[in-house]
Every structure is written in C-alpha cells, then in structure tokens.
Amino acid sequence: MPLDAAIVNEGAADATRIAILASSLAEGPGELGLGAAQQVFGQVDIQILEYEIDGKTHTLPAGAKPYSIEGNHYENPWLGIALEKPGDFEFSKLEAVWPDRTIVALEGPRGLRVSLEQHEVYPWQDGAKEARKKLEALIPGGREVELKIAAGRAAPALSDKDGLKAGLAFCRGYEIIILKVEGADAPNLLRHLARHLRLED
C-alpha cells in the first residue's frame, strides 16, 4: 500500500505521488531516510506531458508552463485559477516553488503588493475554520467584511484599521486560497481584485 508521510492526503497516496523507496519496515523506519532515497532529493526534474480534468485529457507541448498571461489576464488551468490585474501592476513571483506558497504576485505603484497563495488543509481539519485562522493570523484584530469573488462565491475578508493591509481566505477542497494586499487603500484594491478572481471547484 503506497503511503506518503510528507504530504497528508485522504487515504493512501494517490496517483500524483512518485515512488522513491519501498520497504516492509522490517528494519524499522530508519531505513526510509537512508541511502538511495536521500540521493534522489534535489536531483529530480519533472515535466508534465499531459493531464486530465473531468475525463478530458490535455496534452502539453515541450516546456509548457502551468500558467499563461495575456495582457492583464493570468490563468492557471492546472490549479483552476484566473486573475485579472489592474493595468498599472506587474505580475511577479510566477515561478515560486515550495515552501513559498505564492501562486502569483503583483507589484504596483506606490509600493502596493499583492499575493495569491495556496495553503493545505488536512483531512481531519475544518477547512472554513482553518481559512479563518490563517486570515486572522495575517491581519490580527482586523475589521471583517464579506466580499464576492467572480461567479458569486462569498469569501470572508479582513482589513486592518489603517487600511494598509487586507486579505481574504477560503477553503476549496483540501486547500486554502489566500489573496492578500499590502499598501495604501488595500481594502479597495482587494475588493477590485476579488471581483476579477475566478476559481473552479
């Protein structure tokens, strides 16, 4: 039975896991951290050739990126996320990798910064409560508002008393999506971005 202690999943490890080491654990768990398994870390390069969504297979050309940018529009079909940026902002952090949780960031005038992040929710956790906790940790004592994002989905949001930090967070399956804004008039920018954020279930 395949198991993955590093990425908690519902049930046994799914098809997205890649086997590196097999063991009966007869010699104890110590053998999992030795030898061949350690030599693999940092040495693997993975290229996605095709993926399937709702029974439809999508083939990718060599070197394809998981996202596309056309003008002000960012789209990541692999994550089912699309975002429209204001015209005076620039996309950044497009190639961030774990442990950085950024999907895409925006840099704007007057030092305005935006980050769209993906965090995990474990099967035994209440996703809505965990999203709320992350939002409260991001903006302690923030004033609460409820925003509508594209397709009418409601998301809880907080802003600080000075209007320099605002964010929204919600659970989608086993992930929490966080959109945070820092800089002058952050709540209004968050409201604008929320209207132009599209998420597939």
N, C-alpha and C. Protein backbone atom coordinates (compact mmCIF):
# COMPACT_ATOMS: atom_id res chain seq x y z
N MET A 1 0.86 -1.19 0.00
CA MET A 1 0.00 0.00 0.00
C MET A 1 0.89 1.24 0.00
N PRO A 2 0.76 2.11 -0.99
CA PRO A 2 1.60 3.32 -1.02
C PRO A 2 1.18 4.32 0.05
N LEU A 3 2.13 4.84 0.79
CA LEU A 3 1.87 5.85 1.82
C LEU A 3 2.84 7.00 1.62
N ASP A 4 2.41 8.20 1.95
CA ASP A 4 3.29 9.36 1.85
C ASP A 4 3.17 10.13 3.15
N ALA A 5 4.20 10.08 3.96
CA ALA A 5 4.18 10.76 5.25
C ALA A 5 4.44 12.25 5.11
N ALA A 6 4.95 12.70 3.96
CA ALA A 6 5.29 14.10 3.79
C ALA A 6 4.09 14.94 3.36
N ILE A 7 3.21 14.37 2.55
CA ILE A 7 2.04 15.11 2.06
C ILE A 7 0.81 14.33 2.49
N VAL A 8 0.12 14.88 3.49
CA VAL A 8 -1.05 14.17 4.02
C VAL A 8 -2.17 14.24 3.02
N ASN A 9 -2.73 13.11 2.69
CA ASN A 9 -3.78 13.04 1.69
C ASN A 9 -4.93 12.22 2.26
N GLU A 10 -6.07 12.29 1.64
CA GLU A 10 -7.20 11.50 2.10
C GLU A 10 -6.96 10.05 1.66
N GLY A 11 -6.75 9.17 2.63
CA GLY A 11 -6.47 7.78 2.30
C GLY A 11 -5.01 7.58 1.93
N ALA A 12 -4.73 6.52 1.19
CA ALA A 12 -3.35 6.20 0.80
C ALA A 12 -2.87 7.20 -0.26
N ALA A 13 -1.58 7.16 -0.56
CA ALA A 13 -1.00 8.07 -1.55
C ALA A 13 -1.70 7.89 -2.90
N ASP A 14 -1.97 9.00 -3.57
CA ASP A 14 -2.71 8.93 -4.84
C ASP A 14 -1.75 8.89 -6.02
N ALA A 15 -2.30 9.01 -7.22
CA ALA A 15 -1.51 8.84 -8.45
C ALA A 15 -0.50 9.95 -8.68
N THR A 16 -0.61 11.06 -7.95
CA THR A 16 0.35 12.15 -8.15
C THR A 16 1.64 11.93 -7.39
N ARG A 17 1.71 10.89 -6.58
CA ARG A 17 2.95 10.58 -5.84
C ARG A 17 3.89 9.76 -6.72
N ILE A 18 5.17 9.96 -6.56
CA ILE A 18 6.17 9.21 -7.30
C ILE A 18 6.95 8.36 -6.30
N ALA A 19 6.97 7.06 -6.50
CA ALA A 19 7.66 6.16 -5.57
C ALA A 19 9.16 6.32 -5.68
N ILE A 20 9.84 6.45 -4.55
CA ILE A 20 11.30 6.55 -4.50
C ILE A 20 11.88 5.33 -3.79
N LEU A 21 11.17 4.84 -2.78
CA LEU A 21 11.69 3.76 -1.97
C LEU A 21 10.55 2.87 -1.51
N ALA A 22 10.76 1.58 -1.51
CA ALA A 22 9.77 0.62 -1.00
C ALA A 22 10.39 -0.11 0.17
N SER A 23 9.60 -0.34 1.22
CA SER A 23 10.12 -1.01 2.41
C SER A 23 8.99 -1.74 3.12
N SER A 24 9.33 -2.86 3.75
CA SER A 24 8.36 -3.56 4.60
C SER A 24 8.41 -3.00 6.01
N LEU A 25 9.37 -2.13 6.29
CA LEU A 25 9.62 -1.55 7.61
C LEU A 25 10.10 -2.61 8.61
N ALA A 26 10.53 -3.76 8.09
CA ALA A 26 11.02 -4.83 8.96
C ALA A 26 12.24 -4.37 9.75
N GLU A 27 13.05 -3.47 9.15
CA GLU A 27 14.24 -2.95 9.82
C GLU A 27 13.95 -1.65 10.57
N GLY A 28 12.66 -1.30 10.67
CA GLY A 28 12.28 -0.06 11.35
C GLY A 28 12.22 1.10 10.37
N PRO A 29 11.69 2.26 10.82
CA PRO A 29 11.53 3.40 9.91
C PRO A 29 12.82 4.08 9.51
N GLY A 30 13.94 3.77 10.20
CA GLY A 30 15.21 4.42 9.88
C GLY A 30 15.66 4.21 8.46
N GLU A 31 15.35 3.05 7.88
CA GLU A 31 15.81 2.76 6.53
C GLU A 31 15.18 3.68 5.49
N LEU A 32 14.07 4.33 5.84
CA LEU A 32 13.42 5.22 4.88
C LEU A 32 14.23 6.49 4.63
N GLY A 33 15.08 6.87 5.56
CA GLY A 33 15.83 8.10 5.40
C GLY A 33 17.27 7.89 4.96
N LEU A 34 17.60 6.71 4.53
CA LEU A 34 19.00 6.41 4.21
C LEU A 34 19.21 6.10 2.73
N GLY A 35 20.46 6.17 2.33
CA GLY A 35 20.88 5.65 1.03
C GLY A 35 20.22 6.28 -0.17
N ALA A 36 19.62 5.41 -1.00
CA ALA A 36 19.09 5.81 -2.31
C ALA A 36 18.05 6.92 -2.20
N ALA A 37 17.20 6.88 -1.19
CA ALA A 37 16.15 7.89 -1.07
C ALA A 37 16.76 9.28 -0.93
N GLN A 38 17.81 9.42 -0.11
CA GLN A 38 18.42 10.74 0.08
C GLN A 38 19.13 11.22 -1.18
N GLN A 39 19.65 10.32 -1.96
CA GLN A 39 20.36 10.72 -3.16
C GLN A 39 19.42 11.31 -4.21
N VAL A 40 18.15 10.98 -4.15
CA VAL A 40 17.18 11.46 -5.13
C VAL A 40 16.81 12.92 -4.89
N PHE A 41 16.71 13.33 -3.61
CA PHE A 41 16.24 14.68 -3.31
C PHE A 41 17.13 15.74 -3.93
N GLY A 42 16.52 16.70 -4.59
CA GLY A 42 17.24 17.77 -5.27
C GLY A 42 17.80 17.37 -6.62
N GLN A 43 17.56 16.15 -7.06
CA GLN A 43 18.13 15.66 -8.32
C GLN A 43 17.06 15.31 -9.34
N VAL A 44 15.79 15.58 -9.05
CA VAL A 44 14.70 15.16 -9.92
C VAL A 44 14.16 16.35 -10.69
N ASP A 45 13.99 16.17 -11.98
CA ASP A 45 13.38 17.19 -12.83
C ASP A 45 12.13 16.55 -13.45
N ILE A 46 10.98 17.17 -13.21
CA ILE A 46 9.72 16.59 -13.68
C ILE A 46 9.11 17.48 -14.75
N GLN A 47 8.68 16.88 -15.83
CA GLN A 47 8.00 17.61 -16.89
C GLN A 47 6.63 17.00 -17.08
N ILE A 48 5.59 17.83 -17.06
CA ILE A 48 4.22 17.36 -17.27
C ILE A 48 3.98 17.24 -18.77
N LEU A 49 3.59 16.04 -19.20
CA LEU A 49 3.33 15.79 -20.62
C LEU A 49 1.85 15.89 -20.96
N GLU A 50 1.01 15.49 -20.01
CA GLU A 50 -0.44 15.62 -20.19
C GLU A 50 -1.10 15.53 -18.82
N TYR A 51 -2.31 16.05 -18.74
CA TYR A 51 -3.10 15.94 -17.52
C TYR A 51 -4.56 15.77 -17.90
N GLU A 52 -5.35 15.33 -16.96
CA GLU A 52 -6.75 15.05 -17.22
C GLU A 52 -7.63 15.80 -16.23
N ILE A 53 -8.66 16.47 -16.73
CA ILE A 53 -9.66 17.15 -15.91
C ILE A 53 -11.03 16.74 -16.42
N ASP A 54 -11.86 16.25 -15.51
CA ASP A 54 -13.22 15.82 -15.86
C ASP A 54 -13.24 14.87 -17.05
N GLY A 55 -12.29 13.93 -17.09
CA GLY A 55 -12.26 12.92 -18.13
C GLY A 55 -11.68 13.37 -19.46
N LYS A 56 -11.30 14.65 -19.56
CA LYS A 56 -10.73 15.16 -20.80
C LYS A 56 -9.22 15.29 -20.64
N THR A 57 -8.47 14.66 -21.54
CA THR A 57 -7.02 14.69 -21.50
C THR A 57 -6.48 15.89 -22.26
N HIS A 58 -5.54 16.60 -21.62
CA HIS A 58 -4.91 17.76 -22.23
C HIS A 58 -3.43 17.44 -22.43
N THR A 59 -2.97 17.45 -23.68
CA THR A 59 -1.57 17.19 -24.00
C THR A 59 -0.83 18.52 -24.05
N LEU A 60 0.39 18.54 -23.52
CA LEU A 60 1.15 19.78 -23.43
C LEU A 60 2.38 19.73 -24.32
N PRO A 61 2.70 20.85 -24.95
CA PRO A 61 3.94 20.90 -25.73
C PRO A 61 5.14 20.90 -24.79
N ALA A 62 6.30 20.55 -25.30
CA ALA A 62 7.52 20.52 -24.50
C ALA A 62 7.77 21.89 -23.88
N GLY A 63 8.12 21.89 -22.60
CA GLY A 63 8.45 23.14 -21.91
C GLY A 63 7.25 24.00 -21.55
N ALA A 64 6.04 23.47 -21.66
CA ALA A 64 4.85 24.25 -21.35
C ALA A 64 4.82 24.65 -19.88
N LYS A 65 4.35 25.86 -19.61
CA LYS A 65 4.21 26.33 -18.23
C LYS A 65 2.79 26.06 -17.76
N PRO A 66 2.59 25.96 -16.45
CA PRO A 66 1.24 25.68 -15.94
C PRO A 66 0.31 26.88 -16.02
N TYR A 67 0.84 28.03 -16.42
CA TYR A 67 0.02 29.24 -16.49
C TYR A 67 0.24 29.95 -17.82
N SER A 68 -0.67 30.88 -18.13
CA SER A 68 -0.48 31.74 -19.30
C SER A 68 -0.83 33.17 -18.90
N ILE A 69 -0.23 34.11 -19.59
CA ILE A 69 -0.51 35.53 -19.36
C ILE A 69 -0.81 36.17 -20.69
N GLU A 70 -1.97 36.80 -20.78
CA GLU A 70 -2.34 37.56 -21.97
C GLU A 70 -2.77 38.94 -21.51
N GLY A 71 -1.93 39.93 -21.75
CA GLY A 71 -2.22 41.28 -21.28
C GLY A 71 -2.26 41.32 -19.76
N ASN A 72 -3.43 41.68 -19.21
CA ASN A 72 -3.59 41.76 -17.76
C ASN A 72 -4.16 40.49 -17.15
N HIS A 73 -4.33 39.46 -17.98
CA HIS A 73 -5.02 38.24 -17.53
C HIS A 73 -4.04 37.11 -17.26
N TYR A 74 -4.09 36.59 -16.03
CA TYR A 74 -3.30 35.41 -15.64
C TYR A 74 -4.24 34.23 -15.51
N GLU A 75 -3.85 33.09 -16.09
CA GLU A 75 -4.69 31.90 -15.98
C GLU A 75 -3.82 30.68 -15.73
N ASN A 76 -4.22 29.89 -14.72
CA ASN A 76 -3.53 28.65 -14.40
C ASN A 76 -4.57 27.53 -14.43
N PRO A 77 -4.75 26.86 -15.58
CA PRO A 77 -5.78 25.83 -15.68
C PRO A 77 -5.48 24.61 -14.81
N TRP A 78 -4.20 24.37 -14.51
CA TRP A 78 -3.86 23.22 -13.66
C TRP A 78 -4.42 23.40 -12.26
N LEU A 79 -4.44 24.65 -11.78
CA LEU A 79 -4.98 24.94 -10.45
C LEU A 79 -6.41 25.46 -10.53
N GLY A 80 -6.92 25.70 -11.73
CA GLY A 80 -8.28 26.21 -11.88
C GLY A 80 -8.42 27.62 -11.32
N ILE A 81 -7.43 28.48 -11.60
CA ILE A 81 -7.41 29.84 -11.06
C ILE A 81 -7.13 30.83 -12.19
N ALA A 82 -7.86 31.93 -12.19
CA ALA A 82 -7.59 33.02 -13.13
C ALA A 82 -7.74 34.34 -12.38
N LEU A 83 -6.91 35.32 -12.74
CA LEU A 83 -6.91 36.62 -12.07
C LEU A 83 -6.64 37.71 -13.09
N GLU A 84 -7.38 38.80 -12.98
CA GLU A 84 -7.19 39.96 -13.84
C GLU A 84 -6.53 41.05 -13.00
N LYS A 85 -5.39 41.57 -13.44
CA LYS A 85 -4.69 42.59 -12.66
C LYS A 85 -5.04 43.99 -13.16
N PRO A 86 -4.93 45.00 -12.30
CA PRO A 86 -5.07 46.38 -12.77
C PRO A 86 -3.96 46.70 -13.78
N GLY A 87 -4.22 47.60 -14.70
CA GLY A 87 -3.28 47.91 -15.77
C GLY A 87 -1.93 48.44 -15.33
N ASP A 88 -1.88 49.11 -14.15
CA ASP A 88 -0.61 49.69 -13.71
C ASP A 88 0.17 48.76 -12.78
N PHE A 89 -0.20 47.48 -12.71
CA PHE A 89 0.51 46.49 -11.92
C PHE A 89 1.29 45.56 -12.84
N GLU A 90 2.31 44.90 -12.27
CA GLU A 90 3.11 43.92 -13.00
C GLU A 90 3.01 42.58 -12.29
N PHE A 91 2.94 41.49 -13.06
CA PHE A 91 2.97 40.15 -12.48
C PHE A 91 4.38 39.86 -11.97
N SER A 92 4.48 39.14 -10.85
CA SER A 92 5.78 38.72 -10.32
C SER A 92 5.63 37.38 -9.61
N LYS A 93 6.75 36.82 -9.21
CA LYS A 93 6.81 35.53 -8.50
C LYS A 93 6.02 34.44 -9.22
N LEU A 94 6.18 34.40 -10.52
CA LEU A 94 5.44 33.43 -11.33
C LEU A 94 6.01 32.02 -11.22
N GLU A 95 7.25 31.90 -10.80
CA GLU A 95 7.90 30.59 -10.75
C GLU A 95 8.24 30.16 -9.32
N ALA A 96 7.52 30.67 -8.34
CA ALA A 96 7.79 30.32 -6.94
C ALA A 96 7.56 28.83 -6.72
N VAL A 97 8.38 28.24 -5.88
CA VAL A 97 8.24 26.82 -5.55
C VAL A 97 8.22 26.65 -4.04
N TRP A 98 7.63 25.55 -3.60
CA TRP A 98 7.51 25.24 -2.19
C TRP A 98 8.88 25.29 -1.54
N PRO A 99 9.03 25.87 -0.34
CA PRO A 99 7.98 26.20 0.62
C PRO A 99 7.31 27.56 0.41
N ASP A 100 7.70 28.34 -0.60
CA ASP A 100 6.98 29.56 -0.92
C ASP A 100 5.61 29.16 -1.45
N ARG A 101 4.55 29.66 -0.88
CA ARG A 101 3.20 29.24 -1.22
C ARG A 101 2.54 30.14 -2.27
N THR A 102 3.32 31.06 -2.84
CA THR A 102 2.77 32.01 -3.81
C THR A 102 2.44 31.32 -5.13
N ILE A 103 1.22 31.57 -5.61
CA ILE A 103 0.82 31.14 -6.95
C ILE A 103 1.23 32.22 -7.94
N VAL A 104 0.85 33.45 -7.63
CA VAL A 104 1.22 34.61 -8.45
C VAL A 104 1.19 35.84 -7.54
N ALA A 105 2.05 36.79 -7.83
CA ALA A 105 2.08 38.04 -7.07
C ALA A 105 1.98 39.20 -8.05
N LEU A 106 1.64 40.37 -7.51
CA LEU A 106 1.54 41.59 -8.30
C LEU A 106 2.32 42.69 -7.59
N GLU A 107 3.02 43.50 -8.37
CA GLU A 107 3.72 44.67 -7.85
C GLU A 107 3.09 45.89 -8.50
N GLY A 108 2.70 46.87 -7.65
CA GLY A 108 2.01 48.04 -8.18
C GLY A 108 2.67 49.34 -7.82
N PRO A 109 2.04 50.44 -8.21
CA PRO A 109 2.60 51.77 -7.90
C PRO A 109 2.56 52.03 -6.40
N ARG A 110 3.37 52.94 -5.94
CA ARG A 110 3.42 53.36 -4.54
C ARG A 110 3.68 52.18 -3.59
N GLY A 111 4.41 51.17 -4.05
CA GLY A 111 4.76 50.05 -3.18
C GLY A 111 3.65 49.06 -2.90
N LEU A 112 2.54 49.14 -3.64
CA LEU A 112 1.45 48.19 -3.43
C LEU A 112 1.89 46.78 -3.82
N ARG A 113 1.57 45.81 -2.98
CA ARG A 113 1.94 44.41 -3.23
C ARG A 113 0.73 43.51 -3.03
N VAL A 114 0.61 42.54 -3.92
CA VAL A 114 -0.49 41.57 -3.87
C VAL A 114 0.10 40.18 -3.98
N SER A 115 -0.48 39.24 -3.23
CA SER A 115 -0.02 37.85 -3.31
C SER A 115 -1.23 36.93 -3.29
N LEU A 116 -1.27 35.99 -4.21
CA LEU A 116 -2.28 34.94 -4.23
C LEU A 116 -1.56 33.66 -3.83
N GLU A 117 -2.01 33.03 -2.73
CA GLU A 117 -1.30 31.89 -2.16
C GLU A 117 -2.18 30.66 -2.04
N GLN A 118 -1.54 29.52 -1.98
CA GLN A 118 -2.21 28.23 -1.82
C GLN A 118 -1.62 27.54 -0.58
N HIS A 119 -2.48 27.21 0.37
CA HIS A 119 -2.08 26.50 1.60
C HIS A 119 -2.88 25.20 1.68
N GLU A 120 -2.34 24.24 2.42
CA GLU A 120 -3.01 22.95 2.54
C GLU A 120 -3.99 22.93 3.71
N VAL A 121 -4.99 22.02 3.59
CA VAL A 121 -5.89 21.69 4.69
C VAL A 121 -5.84 20.18 4.82
N TYR A 122 -5.62 19.71 6.04
CA TYR A 122 -5.56 18.26 6.26
C TYR A 122 -6.96 17.69 6.39
N PRO A 123 -7.14 16.42 6.04
CA PRO A 123 -8.47 15.82 6.05
C PRO A 123 -9.21 15.92 7.38
N TRP A 124 -8.49 15.96 8.48
CA TRP A 124 -9.15 16.00 9.79
C TRP A 124 -9.46 17.42 10.25
N GLN A 125 -9.09 18.42 9.45
CA GLN A 125 -9.34 19.81 9.82
C GLN A 125 -10.61 20.34 9.16
N ASP A 126 -11.24 21.30 9.81
CA ASP A 126 -12.39 22.00 9.25
C ASP A 126 -11.82 23.12 8.36
N GLY A 127 -12.01 23.00 7.05
CA GLY A 127 -11.42 23.92 6.10
C GLY A 127 -11.80 25.37 6.33
N ALA A 128 -13.07 25.64 6.59
CA ALA A 128 -13.52 27.02 6.79
C ALA A 128 -12.88 27.62 8.03
N LYS A 129 -12.77 26.82 9.09
CA LYS A 129 -12.15 27.32 10.33
C LYS A 129 -10.66 27.58 10.13
N GLU A 130 -10.00 26.69 9.39
CA GLU A 130 -8.57 26.87 9.13
C GLU A 130 -8.32 28.11 8.27
N ALA A 131 -9.19 28.35 7.28
CA ALA A 131 -9.06 29.54 6.45
C ALA A 131 -9.21 30.79 7.31
N ARG A 132 -10.16 30.75 8.22
CA ARG A 132 -10.40 31.89 9.13
C ARG A 132 -9.17 32.13 10.02
N LYS A 133 -8.59 31.05 10.55
CA LYS A 133 -7.41 31.18 11.41
C LYS A 133 -6.24 31.82 10.66
N LYS A 134 -6.04 31.37 9.42
CA LYS A 134 -4.94 31.92 8.62
C LYS A 134 -5.15 33.41 8.34
N LEU A 135 -6.40 33.77 8.07
CA LEU A 135 -6.73 35.16 7.80
C LEU A 135 -6.52 36.02 9.04
N GLU A 136 -6.93 35.52 10.21
CA GLU A 136 -6.76 36.27 11.46
C GLU A 136 -5.29 36.39 11.84
N ALA A 137 -4.47 35.38 11.51
CA ALA A 137 -3.03 35.46 11.77
C ALA A 137 -2.37 36.49 10.86
N LEU A 138 -2.90 36.62 9.65
CA LEU A 138 -2.38 37.57 8.67
C LEU A 138 -2.72 39.01 9.06
N ILE A 139 -3.94 39.23 9.57
CA ILE A 139 -4.40 40.57 9.92
C ILE A 139 -5.04 40.50 11.32
N PRO A 140 -4.23 40.45 12.38
CA PRO A 140 -4.77 40.34 13.74
C PRO A 140 -5.67 41.52 14.08
N GLY A 141 -6.83 41.23 14.65
CA GLY A 141 -7.77 42.28 15.05
C GLY A 141 -8.38 43.04 13.90
N GLY A 142 -8.34 42.47 12.70
CA GLY A 142 -8.85 43.16 11.52
C GLY A 142 -10.36 43.32 11.51
N ARG A 143 -10.81 44.31 10.77
CA ARG A 143 -12.25 44.57 10.61
C ARG A 143 -12.77 43.64 9.53
N GLU A 144 -13.90 43.00 9.81
CA GLU A 144 -14.42 41.98 8.90
C GLU A 144 -15.37 42.55 7.86
N VAL A 145 -15.21 42.06 6.65
CA VAL A 145 -16.15 42.36 5.56
C VAL A 145 -16.33 41.05 4.78
N GLU A 146 -17.41 40.95 4.06
CA GLU A 146 -17.60 39.78 3.19
C GLU A 146 -17.58 40.25 1.75
N LEU A 147 -16.73 39.64 0.96
CA LEU A 147 -16.58 40.03 -0.43
C LEU A 147 -17.13 38.95 -1.34
N LYS A 148 -17.58 39.38 -2.49
CA LYS A 148 -17.97 38.44 -3.54
C LYS A 148 -16.84 38.36 -4.54
N ILE A 149 -16.46 37.14 -4.85
CA ILE A 149 -15.48 36.98 -5.92
C ILE A 149 -16.24 36.52 -7.15
N ALA A 150 -15.55 36.40 -8.26
CA ALA A 150 -16.21 36.04 -9.52
C ALA A 150 -17.09 34.82 -9.33
N ALA A 151 -18.17 34.73 -10.07
CA ALA A 151 -19.15 33.65 -10.01
C ALA A 151 -19.97 33.69 -8.73
N GLY A 152 -19.93 34.82 -8.00
CA GLY A 152 -20.81 35.00 -6.86
C GLY A 152 -20.40 34.30 -5.58
N ARG A 153 -19.24 33.65 -5.56
CA ARG A 153 -18.78 32.97 -4.34
C ARG A 153 -18.46 34.03 -3.29
N ALA A 154 -18.92 33.82 -2.05
CA ALA A 154 -18.63 34.74 -0.95
C ALA A 154 -17.37 34.29 -0.24
N ALA A 155 -16.56 35.24 0.19
CA ALA A 155 -15.33 34.93 0.91
C ALA A 155 -15.18 35.89 2.07
N PRO A 156 -14.87 35.39 3.28
CA PRO A 156 -14.62 36.30 4.41
C PRO A 156 -13.33 37.07 4.17
N ALA A 157 -13.32 38.33 4.58
CA ALA A 157 -12.15 39.18 4.38
C ALA A 157 -11.93 40.05 5.61
N LEU A 158 -10.69 40.44 5.83
CA LEU A 158 -10.33 41.33 6.94
C LEU A 158 -9.47 42.46 6.40
N SER A 159 -9.56 43.63 7.06
CA SER A 159 -8.65 44.72 6.76
C SER A 159 -8.21 45.35 8.07
N ASP A 160 -6.98 45.87 8.11
CA ASP A 160 -6.51 46.49 9.35
C ASP A 160 -7.10 47.89 9.47
N LYS A 161 -6.96 48.48 10.67
CA LYS A 161 -7.62 49.77 10.94
C LYS A 161 -7.04 50.91 10.11
N ASP A 162 -5.79 50.76 9.65
CA ASP A 162 -5.16 51.82 8.86
C ASP A 162 -5.41 51.68 7.36
N GLY A 163 -6.04 50.59 6.94
CA GLY A 163 -6.30 50.37 5.52
C GLY A 163 -5.04 50.06 4.73
N LEU A 164 -3.99 49.56 5.42
CA LEU A 164 -2.73 49.25 4.74
C LEU A 164 -2.54 47.76 4.47
N LYS A 165 -3.45 46.95 5.00
CA LYS A 165 -3.35 45.51 4.80
C LYS A 165 -4.76 44.94 4.75
N ALA A 166 -5.01 44.08 3.78
CA ALA A 166 -6.32 43.45 3.64
C ALA A 166 -6.13 42.07 3.02
N GLY A 167 -7.04 41.18 3.32
CA GLY A 167 -6.93 39.84 2.77
C GLY A 167 -8.24 39.08 2.82
N LEU A 168 -8.34 38.07 1.99
CA LEU A 168 -9.47 37.16 2.03
C LEU A 168 -8.92 35.74 1.98
N ALA A 169 -9.68 34.81 2.54
CA ALA A 169 -9.25 33.41 2.56
C ALA A 169 -10.47 32.52 2.54
N PHE A 170 -10.39 31.42 1.81
CA PHE A 170 -11.48 30.46 1.80
C PHE A 170 -10.95 29.09 1.44
N CYS A 171 -11.72 28.09 1.80
CA CYS A 171 -11.31 26.71 1.57
C CYS A 171 -11.91 26.21 0.26
N ARG A 172 -11.10 25.47 -0.49
CA ARG A 172 -11.56 24.81 -1.71
C ARG A 172 -10.97 23.40 -1.68
N GLY A 173 -11.81 22.43 -1.34
CA GLY A 173 -11.34 21.06 -1.22
C GLY A 173 -10.33 20.95 -0.09
N TYR A 174 -9.12 20.46 -0.40
CA TYR A 174 -8.05 20.33 0.60
C TYR A 174 -7.01 21.43 0.46
N GLU A 175 -7.47 22.62 0.08
CA GLU A 175 -6.55 23.75 0.01
C GLU A 175 -7.25 25.01 0.48
N ILE A 176 -6.45 25.94 0.96
CA ILE A 176 -6.94 27.27 1.33
C ILE A 176 -6.30 28.26 0.37
N ILE A 177 -7.13 29.07 -0.25
CA ILE A 177 -6.64 30.12 -1.14
C ILE A 177 -6.68 31.43 -0.38
N ILE A 178 -5.56 32.14 -0.37
CA ILE A 178 -5.46 33.43 0.32
C ILE A 178 -5.05 34.50 -0.69
N LEU A 179 -5.80 35.58 -0.71
CA LEU A 179 -5.46 36.76 -1.51
C LEU A 179 -5.17 37.88 -0.54
N LYS A 180 -3.94 38.39 -0.53
CA LYS A 180 -3.60 39.45 0.41
C LYS A 180 -3.02 40.65 -0.31
N VAL A 181 -3.32 41.83 0.24
CA VAL A 181 -2.91 43.10 -0.34
C VAL A 181 -2.23 43.93 0.74
N GLU A 182 -1.12 44.57 0.39
CA GLU A 182 -0.42 45.46 1.31
C GLU A 182 -0.15 46.77 0.60
N GLY A 183 -0.42 47.88 1.32
CA GLY A 183 -0.17 49.20 0.76
C GLY A 183 -1.37 50.10 0.94
N ALA A 184 -1.24 51.34 0.49
CA ALA A 184 -2.29 52.34 0.66
C ALA A 184 -3.61 51.89 0.04
N ASP A 185 -4.69 52.07 0.79
CA ASP A 185 -6.05 51.74 0.32
C ASP A 185 -6.19 50.27 -0.05
N ALA A 186 -5.55 49.40 0.75
CA ALA A 186 -5.57 47.96 0.49
C ALA A 186 -6.98 47.38 0.40
N PRO A 187 -7.94 47.79 1.26
CA PRO A 187 -9.28 47.18 1.17
C PRO A 187 -9.96 47.39 -0.18
N ASN A 188 -9.81 48.58 -0.78
CA ASN A 188 -10.44 48.82 -2.08
C ASN A 188 -9.78 48.02 -3.18
N LEU A 189 -8.46 47.88 -3.12
CA LEU A 189 -7.77 47.06 -4.12
C LEU A 189 -8.17 45.60 -3.97
N LEU A 190 -8.30 45.14 -2.73
CA LEU A 190 -8.74 43.76 -2.50
C LEU A 190 -10.13 43.54 -3.09
N ARG A 191 -11.03 44.48 -2.88
CA ARG A 191 -12.39 44.37 -3.42
C ARG A 191 -12.36 44.29 -4.94
N HIS A 192 -11.53 45.12 -5.57
CA HIS A 192 -11.40 45.11 -7.03
C HIS A 192 -10.87 43.76 -7.52
N LEU A 193 -9.80 43.28 -6.88
CA LEU A 193 -9.21 42.01 -7.30
C LEU A 193 -10.14 40.84 -7.08
N ALA A 194 -10.89 40.87 -5.98
CA ALA A 194 -11.82 39.77 -5.69
C ALA A 194 -12.85 39.62 -6.79
N ARG A 195 -13.29 40.74 -7.36
CA ARG A 195 -14.27 40.68 -8.46
C ARG A 195 -13.67 40.06 -9.72
N HIS A 196 -12.33 40.07 -9.82
CA HIS A 196 -11.66 39.56 -11.01
C HIS A 196 -10.86 38.29 -10.73
N LEU A 197 -11.23 37.59 -9.66
CA LEU A 197 -10.60 36.32 -9.32
C LEU A 197 -11.58 35.21 -9.63
N ARG A 198 -11.16 34.26 -10.48
CA ARG A 198 -12.04 33.15 -10.84
C ARG A 198 -11.42 31.85 -10.35
N LEU A 199 -12.24 31.05 -9.67
CA LEU A 199 -11.76 29.77 -9.15
C LEU A 199 -12.73 28.66 -9.55
N GLU A 200 -12.19 27.61 -10.12
CA GLU A 200 -13.02 26.44 -10.43
C GLU A 200 -13.05 25.53 -9.22
N ASP A 201 -14.18 24.84 -9.02
CA ASP A 201 -14.27 23.88 -7.91
C ASP A 201 -13.60 22.58 -8.30
